[in-house]
Amino acid sequence: MRYASWSLIIDDIVFPDGRTSMGVLGGGGTHTVAGMRIWSDEVTLLGQVGQDLDETILNPLALRSHALRRTTRPTPRAWQLFEVDGHRTQIPRMPLEEWNTQLLWPDDFPAYLQDHGVHAIHLMTRGAPGDPERIARLAAAGLRISLEPIIEEGMNRTEADRVLACLPHVEIFSPGLAEARVLLGDMSPEQTMIELCRHGPALVALRRGALGSFVYHAASQRLLQVPAARAKVIDVTGAGNAYAGGLLVGWCEGSDLAHAAACAAVSAALAIEQIGPAIITPELLADARQRHVEFLTQSM
């Protein structure tokens, strides 16, 4: 099975203590495929970039292929500003029209994915007009879909409802705890996941950062409380994306809830141990498998 995610952004990171790291490979799609790549070598990065991108920046991901489209617009680039409490503010470093155009899913997305042999994809939505219809077309084309909401300050009820309208067409939904509250209001984690599954997903993961996550399977009504995997924290950028990538591959490779949750937790842990996505090496892959065994033995 071939896995994919969408979007590449170049990050200029400012840490709370004033340190900076400029020109770092980033973007939700990039961090997601890094999380996927730990568990599968059948991973493809999709997105729209400019003529300015040096593709050697992708080498650390050790992808078998990528399907980036070159356009006349610049590669998306943004400031990533971190506060002491972990809050992150993203500020595009290019005109918003160009930013939005580069990151928008293309009109021929189903055919694009089919051309590159993609079977399962993780996507992110802000509840933009047309997103439920776009997701529905992908599902109708036979794609297994994992979805992550991007919920920023000022999201209105119409946008939140569009996110919920995507859910009948996705297999996995993985919001953060604060994002789920925007969508459904203040509920217990268990109530939140049950309610989200009523909208359609087979699996809901409720991410809680350093506290770990909850994962709920609708058909079996099985709920797992999943701790965070051990990690030496360097940069938390992309941890949630990597979690989602690991969860999708782990689930698709066997439909075992504990295995998928362990893949997700380990992918997130490895994502935060350096600046930028995890660098895929034989040593890292061996470490990931050891952590997976350790995690299942000690935590699940």
C-alpha atoms as a PDB file:
ATOM      1  CA  MET A   1       0.000   0.000   0.000  1.00  0.00           C
ATOM      2  CA  ARG A   2       1.297   3.472  -0.848  1.00  0.00           C
ATOM      3  CA  TYR A   3       0.771   6.316   1.611  1.00  0.00           C
ATOM      4  CA  ALA A   4       0.884  10.067   1.029  1.00  0.00           C
ATOM      5  CA  SER A   5       0.249  13.473   2.505  1.00  0.00           C
ATOM      6  CA  TRP A   6      -0.026  16.970   1.027  1.00  0.00           C
ATOM      7  CA  SER A   7       1.978  20.189   1.538  1.00  0.00           C
ATOM      8  CA  LEU A   8       5.555  21.323   1.946  1.00  0.00           C
ATOM      9  CA  ILE A   9       6.515  24.528   3.742  1.00  0.00           C
ATOM     10  CA  ILE A  10       9.920  25.967   4.502  1.00  0.00           C
ATOM     11  CA  ASP A  11       9.968  26.964   8.188  1.00  0.00           C
ATOM     12  CA  ASP A  12      11.876  29.798   9.825  1.00  0.00           C
ATOM     13  CA  ILE A  13      11.613  28.856  13.496  1.00  0.00           C
ATOM     14  CA  VAL A  14      11.906  31.237  16.459  1.00  0.00           C
ATOM     15  CA  PHE A  15      12.130  29.507  19.848  1.00  0.00           C
ATOM     16  CA  PRO A  16      10.979  31.082  23.141  1.00  0.00           C
ATOM     17  CA  ASP A  17      14.566  31.789  24.246  1.00  0.00           C
ATOM     18  CA  GLY A  18      15.281  33.746  21.049  1.00  0.00           C
ATOM     19  CA  ARG A  19      17.178  31.039  19.204  1.00  0.00           C
ATOM     20  CA  THR A  20      16.315  30.680  15.530  1.00  0.00           C
ATOM     21  CA  SER A  21      16.577  27.947  12.930  1.00  0.00           C
ATOM     22  CA  MET A  22      16.070  29.186   9.401  1.00  0.00           C
ATOM     23  CA  GLY A  23      15.161  27.372   6.201  1.00  0.00           C
ATOM     24  CA  VAL A  24      14.004  24.142   7.859  1.00  0.00           C
ATOM     25  CA  LEU A  25      12.047  21.577   5.854  1.00  0.00           C
ATOM     26  CA  GLY A  26       8.523  21.629   7.228  1.00  0.00           C
ATOM     27  CA  GLY A  27       4.812  21.714   6.539  1.00  0.00           C
ATOM     28  CA  GLY A  28       2.088  19.433   7.800  1.00  0.00           C
ATOM     29  CA  GLY A  29       2.425  17.053   4.877  1.00  0.00           C
ATOM     30  CA  THR A  30       6.194  16.796   5.256  1.00  0.00           C
ATOM     31  CA  HIS A  31       6.025  15.967   8.960  1.00  0.00           C
ATOM     32  CA  THR A  32       3.239  13.487   8.256  1.00  0.00           C
ATOM     33  CA  VAL A  33       5.200  11.544   5.631  1.00  0.00           C
ATOM     34  CA  ALA A  34       8.183  11.458   8.009  1.00  0.00           C
ATOM     35  CA  GLY A  35       5.889   9.818  10.580  1.00  0.00           C
ATOM     36  CA  MET A  36       4.667   7.385   7.912  1.00  0.00           C
ATOM     37  CA  ARG A  37       8.149   6.624   6.591  1.00  0.00           C
ATOM     38  CA  ILE A  38       9.194   5.141   9.933  1.00  0.00           C
ATOM     39  CA  TRP A  39       6.758   2.253   9.342  1.00  0.00           C
ATOM     40  CA  SER A  40       6.652   1.965   5.531  1.00  0.00           C
ATOM     41  CA  ASP A  41       8.946   2.658   2.590  1.00  0.00           C
ATOM     42  CA  GLU A  42       5.924   3.144   0.299  1.00  0.00           C
ATOM     43  CA  VAL A  43       5.456   6.836   1.075  1.00  0.00           C
ATOM     44  CA  THR A  44       4.998   9.789  -1.287  1.00  0.00           C
ATOM     45  CA  LEU A  45       5.075  13.521  -0.545  1.00  0.00           C
ATOM     46  CA  LEU A  46       2.646  15.616  -2.574  1.00  0.00           C
ATOM     47  CA  GLY A  47       2.387  19.363  -2.919  1.00  0.00           C
ATOM     48  CA  GLN A  48       2.963  22.484  -4.960  1.00  0.00           C
ATOM     49  CA  VAL A  49       6.329  24.236  -4.757  1.00  0.00           C
ATOM     50  CA  GLY A  50       8.190  26.924  -6.663  1.00  0.00           C
ATOM     51  CA  GLN A  51      11.160  26.805  -8.962  1.00  0.00           C
ATOM     52  CA  ASP A  52      13.191  27.981  -5.966  1.00  0.00           C
ATOM     53  CA  LEU A  53      13.042  24.655  -4.098  1.00  0.00           C
ATOM     54  CA  ASP A  54      16.249  22.595  -3.953  1.00  0.00           C
ATOM     55  CA  GLU A  55      14.923  19.034  -3.878  1.00  0.00           C
ATOM     56  CA  THR A  56      17.995  17.763  -2.029  1.00  0.00           C
ATOM     57  CA  ILE A  57      16.307  19.170   1.095  1.00  0.00           C
ATOM     58  CA  LEU A  58      14.060  16.076   0.892  1.00  0.00           C
ATOM     59  CA  ASN A  59      16.943  13.599   1.077  1.00  0.00           C
ATOM     60  CA  PRO A  60      16.715  13.078   4.877  1.00  0.00           C
ATOM     61  CA  LEU A  61      13.194  11.662   4.423  1.00  0.00           C
ATOM     62  CA  ALA A  62      14.560   8.763   2.328  1.00  0.00           C
ATOM     63  CA  LEU A  63      11.379   8.694   0.236  1.00  0.00           C
ATOM     64  CA  ARG A  64      11.144   6.265  -2.644  1.00  0.00           C
ATOM     65  CA  SER A  65       9.520   9.039  -4.660  1.00  0.00           C
ATOM     66  CA  HIS A  66       7.772  12.361  -4.395  1.00  0.00           C
ATOM     67  CA  ALA A  67       5.157  14.017  -6.586  1.00  0.00           C
ATOM     68  CA  LEU A  68       5.784  17.716  -6.061  1.00  0.00           C
ATOM     69  CA  ARG A  69       4.413  20.027  -8.706  1.00  0.00           C
ATOM     70  CA  ARG A  70       6.503  23.021  -9.738  1.00  0.00           C
ATOM     71  CA  THR A  71       4.569  26.253 -10.248  1.00  0.00           C
ATOM     72  CA  THR A  72       5.460  29.845 -11.090  1.00  0.00           C
ATOM     73  CA  ARG A  73       4.762  30.870  -7.487  1.00  0.00           C
ATOM     74  CA  PRO A  74       7.366  30.612  -4.704  1.00  0.00           C
ATOM     75  CA  THR A  75       7.586  27.656  -2.356  1.00  0.00           C
ATOM     76  CA  PRO A  76       5.450  28.283   0.757  1.00  0.00           C
ATOM     77  CA  ARG A  77       7.567  29.732   3.568  1.00  0.00           C
ATOM     78  CA  ALA A  78       6.527  30.859   7.055  1.00  0.00           C
ATOM     79  CA  TRP A  79       7.713  32.020  10.437  1.00  0.00           C
ATOM     80  CA  GLN A  80       6.991  29.500  13.211  1.00  0.00           C
ATOM     81  CA  LEU A  81       6.944  31.439  16.493  1.00  0.00           C
ATOM     82  CA  PHE A  82       6.917  29.404  19.711  1.00  0.00           C
ATOM     83  CA  GLU A  83       5.862  30.604  23.156  1.00  0.00           C
ATOM     84  CA  VAL A  84       7.091  29.170  26.457  1.00  0.00           C
ATOM     85  CA  ASP A  85       3.812  27.260  26.894  1.00  0.00           C
ATOM     86  CA  GLY A  86       4.304  25.521  23.527  1.00  0.00           C
ATOM     87  CA  HIS A  87       1.803  27.653  21.623  1.00  0.00           C
ATOM     88  CA  ARG A  88       2.865  28.137  18.010  1.00  0.00           C
ATOM     89  CA  THR A  89       1.982  30.998  15.683  1.00  0.00           C
ATOM     90  CA  GLN A  90       2.518  30.533  11.949  1.00  0.00           C
ATOM     91  CA  ILE A  91       3.017  33.674   9.858  1.00  0.00           C
ATOM     92  CA  PRO A  92       3.346  33.208   6.080  1.00  0.00           C
ATOM     93  CA  ARG A  93       6.327  35.022   4.572  1.00  0.00           C
ATOM     94  CA  MET A  94       4.651  35.559   1.217  1.00  0.00           C
ATOM     95  CA  PRO A  95       1.411  37.163  -0.033  1.00  0.00           C
ATOM     96  CA  LEU A  96      -1.605  35.239   1.264  1.00  0.00           C
ATOM     97  CA  GLU A  97      -2.988  34.741  -2.242  1.00  0.00           C
ATOM     98  CA  GLU A  98       0.173  32.918  -3.308  1.00  0.00           C
ATOM     99  CA  TRP A  99       0.321  31.009  -0.013  1.00  0.00           C
ATOM    100  CA  ASN A 100      -3.256  29.802  -0.266  1.00  0.00           C
ATOM    101  CA  THR A 101      -2.950  28.914  -3.953  1.00  0.00           C
ATOM    102  CA  GLN A 102       0.158  26.790  -3.381  1.00  0.00           C
ATOM    103  CA  LEU A 103      -1.388  24.912  -0.451  1.00  0.00           C
ATOM    104  CA  LEU A 104      -4.842  24.347  -1.977  1.00  0.00           C
ATOM    105  CA  TRP A 105      -5.657  20.808  -3.072  1.00  0.00           C
ATOM    106  CA  PRO A 106      -5.688  20.727  -6.897  1.00  0.00           C
ATOM    107  CA  ASP A 107      -8.882  20.256  -8.887  1.00  0.00           C
ATOM    108  CA  ASP A 108      -7.542  17.003 -10.348  1.00  0.00           C
ATOM    109  CA  PHE A 109      -6.604  15.584  -6.942  1.00  0.00           C
ATOM    110  CA  PRO A 110      -8.268  12.147  -7.359  1.00  0.00           C
ATOM    111  CA  ALA A 111      -6.565  11.548 -10.712  1.00  0.00           C
ATOM    112  CA  TYR A 112      -3.285  12.951  -9.356  1.00  0.00           C
ATOM    113  CA  LEU A 113      -3.327  10.430  -6.503  1.00  0.00           C
ATOM    114  CA  GLN A 114      -4.311   7.583  -8.798  1.00  0.00           C
ATOM    115  CA  ASP A 115      -1.470   8.434 -11.184  1.00  0.00           C
ATOM    116  CA  HIS A 116       1.009   8.084  -8.324  1.00  0.00           C
ATOM    117  CA  GLY A 117      -0.460   4.863  -6.952  1.00  0.00           C
ATOM    118  CA  VAL A 118      -1.646   6.352  -3.646  1.00  0.00           C
ATOM    119  CA  HIS A 119      -4.037   4.169  -1.630  1.00  0.00           C
ATOM    120  CA  ALA A 120      -4.178   6.019   1.717  1.00  0.00           C
ATOM    121  CA  ILE A 121      -3.696   9.708   2.459  1.00  0.00           C
ATOM    122  CA  HIS A 122      -3.573  12.031   5.442  1.00  0.00           C
ATOM    123  CA  LEU A 123      -4.971  15.512   4.857  1.00  0.00           C
ATOM    124  CA  MET A 124      -5.574  18.679   6.873  1.00  0.00           C
ATOM    125  CA  THR A 125      -8.615  20.960   6.646  1.00  0.00           C
ATOM    126  CA  ARG A 126      -9.490  24.416   7.927  1.00  0.00           C
ATOM    127  CA  GLY A 127     -13.134  23.956   6.980  1.00  0.00           C
ATOM    128  CA  ALA A 128     -12.756  25.855   3.736  1.00  0.00           C
ATOM    129  CA  PRO A 129     -15.671  26.051   1.280  1.00  0.00           C
ATOM    130  CA  GLY A 130     -15.799  22.891  -0.811  1.00  0.00           C
ATOM    131  CA  ASP A 131     -13.616  20.752   1.492  1.00  0.00           C
ATOM    132  CA  PRO A 132     -16.391  18.231   2.314  1.00  0.00           C
ATOM    133  CA  GLU A 133     -17.083  17.760  -1.405  1.00  0.00           C
ATOM    134  CA  ARG A 134     -13.368  17.361  -2.188  1.00  0.00           C
ATOM    135  CA  ILE A 135     -12.976  14.773   0.574  1.00  0.00           C
ATOM    136  CA  ALA A 136     -16.089  12.960  -0.668  1.00  0.00           C
ATOM    137  CA  ARG A 137     -14.622  12.698  -4.185  1.00  0.00           C
ATOM    138  CA  LEU A 138     -11.419  11.192  -2.817  1.00  0.00           C
ATOM    139  CA  ALA A 139     -13.388   8.653  -0.797  1.00  0.00           C
ATOM    140  CA  ALA A 140     -15.492   7.798  -3.848  1.00  0.00           C
ATOM    141  CA  ALA A 141     -12.248   7.127  -5.733  1.00  0.00           C
ATOM    142  CA  GLY A 142     -11.381   4.447  -3.150  1.00  0.00           C
ATOM    143  CA  LEU A 143      -8.868   6.373  -1.020  1.00  0.00           C
ATOM    144  CA  ARG A 144      -8.512   5.535   2.661  1.00  0.00           C
ATOM    145  CA  ILE A 145      -8.490   8.965   4.299  1.00  0.00           C
ATOM    146  CA  SER A 146      -7.115  10.262   7.565  1.00  0.00           C
ATOM    147  CA  LEU A 147      -8.080  13.839   8.412  1.00  0.00           C
ATOM    148  CA  GLU A 148      -6.665  16.399  10.834  1.00  0.00           C
ATOM    149  CA  PRO A 149      -8.369  19.742  11.505  1.00  0.00           C
ATOM    150  CA  ILE A 150      -6.412  22.982  11.576  1.00  0.00           C
ATOM    151  CA  ILE A 151      -8.411  25.182  13.887  1.00  0.00           C
ATOM    152  CA  GLU A 152      -7.106  28.664  14.492  1.00  0.00           C
ATOM    153  CA  GLU A 153      -8.393  31.580  16.527  1.00  0.00           C
ATOM    154  CA  GLY A 154     -11.470  33.046  14.958  1.00  0.00           C
ATOM    155  CA  MET A 155     -12.803  29.863  13.329  1.00  0.00           C
ATOM    156  CA  ASN A 156     -16.514  30.420  12.925  1.00  0.00           C
ATOM    157  CA  ARG A 157     -19.381  27.955  13.253  1.00  0.00           C
ATOM    158  CA  THR A 158     -19.753  27.575   9.487  1.00  0.00           C
ATOM    159  CA  GLU A 159     -16.109  26.531   9.133  1.00  0.00           C
ATOM    160  CA  ALA A 160     -16.386  24.143  12.084  1.00  0.00           C
ATOM    161  CA  ASP A 161     -19.496  22.583  10.553  1.00  0.00           C
ATOM    162  CA  ARG A 162     -17.621  22.083   7.270  1.00  0.00           C
ATOM    163  CA  VAL A 163     -14.948  20.138   9.171  1.00  0.00           C
ATOM    164  CA  LEU A 164     -17.671  17.932  10.660  1.00  0.00           C
ATOM    165  CA  ALA A 165     -19.237  17.524   7.210  1.00  0.00           C
ATOM    166  CA  CYS A 166     -15.990  15.908   6.014  1.00  0.00           C
ATOM    167  CA  LEU A 167     -16.213  13.124   8.590  1.00  0.00           C
ATOM    168  CA  PRO A 168     -18.671  10.770   6.839  1.00  0.00           C
ATOM    169  CA  HIS A 169     -15.984  10.281   4.181  1.00  0.00           C
ATOM    170  CA  VAL A 170     -12.906   9.645   6.354  1.00  0.00           C
ATOM    171  CA  GLU A 171     -11.634   6.547   8.135  1.00  0.00           C
ATOM    172  CA  ILE A 172      -9.525   8.282  10.791  1.00  0.00           C
ATOM    173  CA  PHE A 173      -9.978  11.687  12.431  1.00  0.00           C
ATOM    174  CA  SER A 174      -7.248  13.045  14.721  1.00  0.00           C
ATOM    175  CA  PRO A 175      -7.961  16.438  16.325  1.00  0.00           C
ATOM    176  CA  GLY A 176      -6.171  17.944  19.277  1.00  0.00           C
ATOM    177  CA  LEU A 177      -8.173  18.308  22.482  1.00  0.00           C
ATOM    178  CA  ALA A 178      -8.626  22.074  22.034  1.00  0.00           C
ATOM    179  CA  GLU A 179      -9.663  21.588  18.396  1.00  0.00           C
ATOM    180  CA  ALA A 180     -12.287  19.022  19.375  1.00  0.00           C
ATOM    181  CA  ARG A 181     -13.748  21.489  21.865  1.00  0.00           C
ATOM    182  CA  VAL A 182     -14.128  24.094  19.120  1.00  0.00           C
ATOM    183  CA  LEU A 183     -15.974  21.531  16.999  1.00  0.00           C
ATOM    184  CA  LEU A 184     -18.263  20.041  19.666  1.00  0.00           C
ATOM    185  CA  GLY A 185     -18.065  22.121  22.816  1.00  0.00           C
ATOM    186  CA  ASP A 186     -16.902  21.057  26.264  1.00  0.00           C
ATOM    187  CA  MET A 187     -17.355  17.281  26.619  1.00  0.00           C
ATOM    188  CA  SER A 188     -15.395  14.530  28.288  1.00  0.00           C
ATOM    189  CA  PRO A 189     -12.788  12.862  26.040  1.00  0.00           C
ATOM    190  CA  GLU A 190     -14.901   9.718  25.813  1.00  0.00           C
ATOM    191  CA  GLN A 191     -18.061  11.644  24.900  1.00  0.00           C
ATOM    192  CA  THR A 192     -16.096  13.670  22.357  1.00  0.00           C
ATOM    193  CA  MET A 193     -14.733  10.621  20.555  1.00  0.00           C
ATOM    194  CA  ILE A 194     -18.072   8.798  20.547  1.00  0.00           C
ATOM    195  CA  GLU A 195     -19.785  11.871  19.116  1.00  0.00           C
ATOM    196  CA  LEU A 196     -17.111  12.326  16.445  1.00  0.00           C
ATOM    197  CA  CYS A 197     -17.416   8.669  15.436  1.00  0.00           C
ATOM    198  CA  ARG A 198     -21.170   9.174  15.014  1.00  0.00           C
ATOM    199  CA  HIS A 199     -20.273  11.517  12.181  1.00  0.00           C
ATOM    200  CA  GLY A 200     -18.586   8.665  10.307  1.00  0.00           C
ATOM    201  CA  PRO A 201     -14.929   7.833  11.130  1.00  0.00           C
ATOM    202  CA  ALA A 202     -14.034   4.293  12.146  1.00  0.00           C
ATOM    203  CA  LEU A 203     -11.268   5.611  14.366  1.00  0.00           C
ATOM    204  CA  VAL A 204     -10.863   8.843  16.339  1.00  0.00           C
ATOM    205  CA  ALA A 205      -7.636   9.884  18.041  1.00  0.00           C
ATOM    206  CA  LEU A 206      -7.769  12.760  20.501  1.00  0.00           C
ATOM    207  CA  ARG A 207      -4.251  14.208  20.775  1.00  0.00           C
ATOM    208  CA  ARG A 208      -3.115  15.769  24.075  1.00  0.00           C
ATOM    209  CA  GLY A 209       0.535  16.677  23.491  1.00  0.00           C
ATOM    210  CA  ALA A 210       2.850  15.596  26.290  1.00  0.00           C
ATOM    211  CA  LEU A 211      -0.078  13.864  28.017  1.00  0.00           C
ATOM    212  CA  GLY A 212      -0.406  11.409  25.125  1.00  0.00           C
ATOM    213  CA  SER A 213      -3.715  10.670  23.435  1.00  0.00           C
ATOM    214  CA  PHE A 214      -6.977   8.775  23.541  1.00  0.00           C
ATOM    215  CA  VAL A 215      -7.868   6.460  20.654  1.00  0.00           C
ATOM    216  CA  TYR A 216     -11.395   5.147  20.108  1.00  0.00           C
ATOM    217  CA  HIS A 217     -12.605   2.473  17.670  1.00  0.00           C
ATOM    218  CA  ALA A 218     -16.287   2.847  16.810  1.00  0.00           C
ATOM    219  CA  ALA A 219     -17.127  -0.739  15.793  1.00  0.00           C
ATOM    220  CA  SER A 220     -15.641  -2.400  18.887  1.00  0.00           C
ATOM    221  CA  GLN A 221     -16.316   0.589  21.187  1.00  0.00           C
ATOM    222  CA  ARG A 222     -12.765   0.098  22.434  1.00  0.00           C
ATOM    223  CA  LEU A 223     -11.077   3.093  24.036  1.00  0.00           C
ATOM    224  CA  LEU A 224      -7.334   3.258  24.672  1.00  0.00           C
ATOM    225  CA  GLN A 225      -5.599   5.810  26.859  1.00  0.00           C
ATOM    226  CA  VAL A 226      -2.229   6.149  25.151  1.00  0.00           C
ATOM    227  CA  PRO A 227       0.708   7.779  26.968  1.00  0.00           C
ATOM    228  CA  ALA A 228       3.352   9.763  25.125  1.00  0.00           C
ATOM    229  CA  ALA A 229       6.335   7.665  24.077  1.00  0.00           C
ATOM    230  CA  ARG A 230       9.704   8.490  25.605  1.00  0.00           C
ATOM    231  CA  ALA A 231      11.528  11.295  23.835  1.00  0.00           C
ATOM    232  CA  LYS A 232      14.241  13.925  24.290  1.00  0.00           C
ATOM    233  CA  VAL A 233      12.361  17.067  23.316  1.00  0.00           C
ATOM    234  CA  ILE A 234      14.196  19.461  20.993  1.00  0.00           C
ATOM    235  CA  ASP A 235      11.469  20.943  18.756  1.00  0.00           C
ATOM    236  CA  VAL A 236       7.782  20.042  18.962  1.00  0.00           C
ATOM    237  CA  THR A 237       6.968  21.306  15.450  1.00  0.00           C
ATOM    238  CA  GLY A 238       5.064  18.649  13.503  1.00  0.00           C
ATOM    239  CA  ALA A 239       4.543  16.192  16.352  1.00  0.00           C
ATOM    240  CA  GLY A 240       0.794  15.969  15.736  1.00  0.00           C
ATOM    241  CA  ASN A 241       1.315  15.482  11.998  1.00  0.00           C
ATOM    242  CA  ALA A 242       3.867  12.713  12.563  1.00  0.00           C
ATOM    243  CA  TYR A 243       1.469  11.092  15.050  1.00  0.00           C
ATOM    244  CA  ALA A 244      -1.253  11.053  12.399  1.00  0.00           C
ATOM    245  CA  GLY A 245       1.101   9.565   9.814  1.00  0.00           C
ATOM    246  CA  GLY A 246       2.140   6.771  12.137  1.00  0.00           C
ATOM    247  CA  LEU A 247      -1.469   6.105  13.112  1.00  0.00           C
ATOM    248  CA  LEU A 248      -2.621   5.769   9.494  1.00  0.00           C
ATOM    249  CA  VAL A 249       0.131   3.347   8.501  1.00  0.00           C
ATOM    250  CA  GLY A 250      -0.203   1.345  11.704  1.00  0.00           C
ATOM    251  CA  TRP A 251      -3.958   1.025  11.239  1.00  0.00           C
ATOM    252  CA  CYS A 252      -3.844   0.172   7.539  1.00  0.00           C
ATOM    253  CA  GLU A 253      -1.128  -2.437   8.066  1.00  0.00           C
ATOM    254  CA  GLY A 254      -3.248  -4.581  10.343  1.00  0.00           C
ATOM    255  CA  SER A 255      -6.325  -2.866  11.827  1.00  0.00           C
ATOM    256  CA  ASP A 256      -4.920  -3.534  15.300  1.00  0.00           C
ATOM    257  CA  LEU A 257      -5.727  -0.652  17.621  1.00  0.00           C
ATOM    258  CA  ALA A 258      -2.831  -1.051  20.058  1.00  0.00           C
ATOM    259  CA  HIS A 259      -0.297  -1.487  17.243  1.00  0.00           C
ATOM    260  CA  ALA A 260      -1.575   1.620  15.445  1.00  0.00           C
ATOM    261  CA  ALA A 261      -1.533   3.680  18.655  1.00  0.00           C
ATOM    262  CA  ALA A 262       2.047   2.591  19.365  1.00  0.00           C
ATOM    263  CA  CYS A 263       3.128   3.541  15.830  1.00  0.00           C
ATOM    264  CA  ALA A 264       1.514   6.959  16.298  1.00  0.00           C
ATOM    265  CA  ALA A 265       3.127   7.597  19.680  1.00  0.00           C
ATOM    266  CA  VAL A 266       6.601   6.554  18.503  1.00  0.00           C
ATOM    267  CA  SER A 267       6.328   8.629  15.314  1.00  0.00           C
ATOM    268  CA  ALA A 268       5.440  11.691  17.407  1.00  0.00           C
ATOM    269  CA  ALA A 269       8.323  11.039  19.808  1.00  0.00           C
ATOM    270  CA  LEU A 270      10.866  10.756  17.008  1.00  0.00           C
ATOM    271  CA  ALA A 271       9.505  13.920  15.381  1.00  0.00           C
ATOM    272  CA  ILE A 272      10.427  16.107  18.354  1.00  0.00           C
ATOM    273  CA  GLU A 273      13.987  14.893  18.908  1.00  0.00           C
ATOM    274  CA  GLN A 274      15.549  17.248  16.352  1.00  0.00           C
ATOM    275  CA  ILE A 275      14.753  20.462  14.509  1.00  0.00           C
ATOM    276  CA  GLY A 276      12.681  19.529  11.460  1.00  0.00           C
ATOM    277  CA  PRO A 277      11.317  16.110  10.504  1.00  0.00           C
ATOM    278  CA  ALA A 278      12.987  12.905  11.668  1.00  0.00           C
ATOM    279  CA  ILE A 279      16.009  11.936   9.566  1.00  0.00           C
ATOM    280  CA  ILE A 280      15.342   8.454   8.246  1.00  0.00           C
ATOM    281  CA  THR A 281      18.327   6.155   8.705  1.00  0.00           C
ATOM    282  CA  PRO A 282      18.637   2.397   9.342  1.00  0.00           C
ATOM    283  CA  GLU A 283      19.597   3.253  12.922  1.00  0.00           C
ATOM    284  CA  LEU A 284      16.492   5.369  13.450  1.00  0.00           C
ATOM    285  CA  LEU A 285      14.241   2.678  11.976  1.00  0.00           C
ATOM    286  CA  ALA A 286      15.762   0.075  14.297  1.00  0.00           C
ATOM    287  CA  ASP A 287      15.302   2.452  17.252  1.00  0.00           C
ATOM    288  CA  ALA A 288      11.656   3.015  16.263  1.00  0.00           C
ATOM    289  CA  ARG A 289      10.938  -0.701  16.276  1.00  0.00           C
ATOM    290  CA  GLN A 290      12.602  -1.118  19.636  1.00  0.00           C
ATOM    291  CA  ARG A 291      10.553   1.747  21.067  1.00  0.00           C
ATOM    292  CA  HIS A 292       7.409   0.199  19.561  1.00  0.00           C
ATOM    293  CA  VAL A 293       8.057  -3.094  21.362  1.00  0.00           C
ATOM    294  CA  GLU A 294       8.898  -1.245  24.567  1.00  0.00           C
ATOM    295  CA  PHE A 295       5.787   0.905  24.283  1.00  0.00           C
ATOM    296  CA  LEU A 296       3.427  -2.053  23.789  1.00  0.00           C
ATOM    297  CA  THR A 297       5.074  -3.952  26.656  1.00  0.00           C
ATOM    298  CA  GLN A 298       5.058  -1.121  29.156  1.00  0.00           C
ATOM    299  CA  SER A 299       2.120   1.074  28.211  1.00  0.00           C
ATOM    300  CA  MET A 300      -0.685  -0.786  26.457  1.00  0.00           C
END
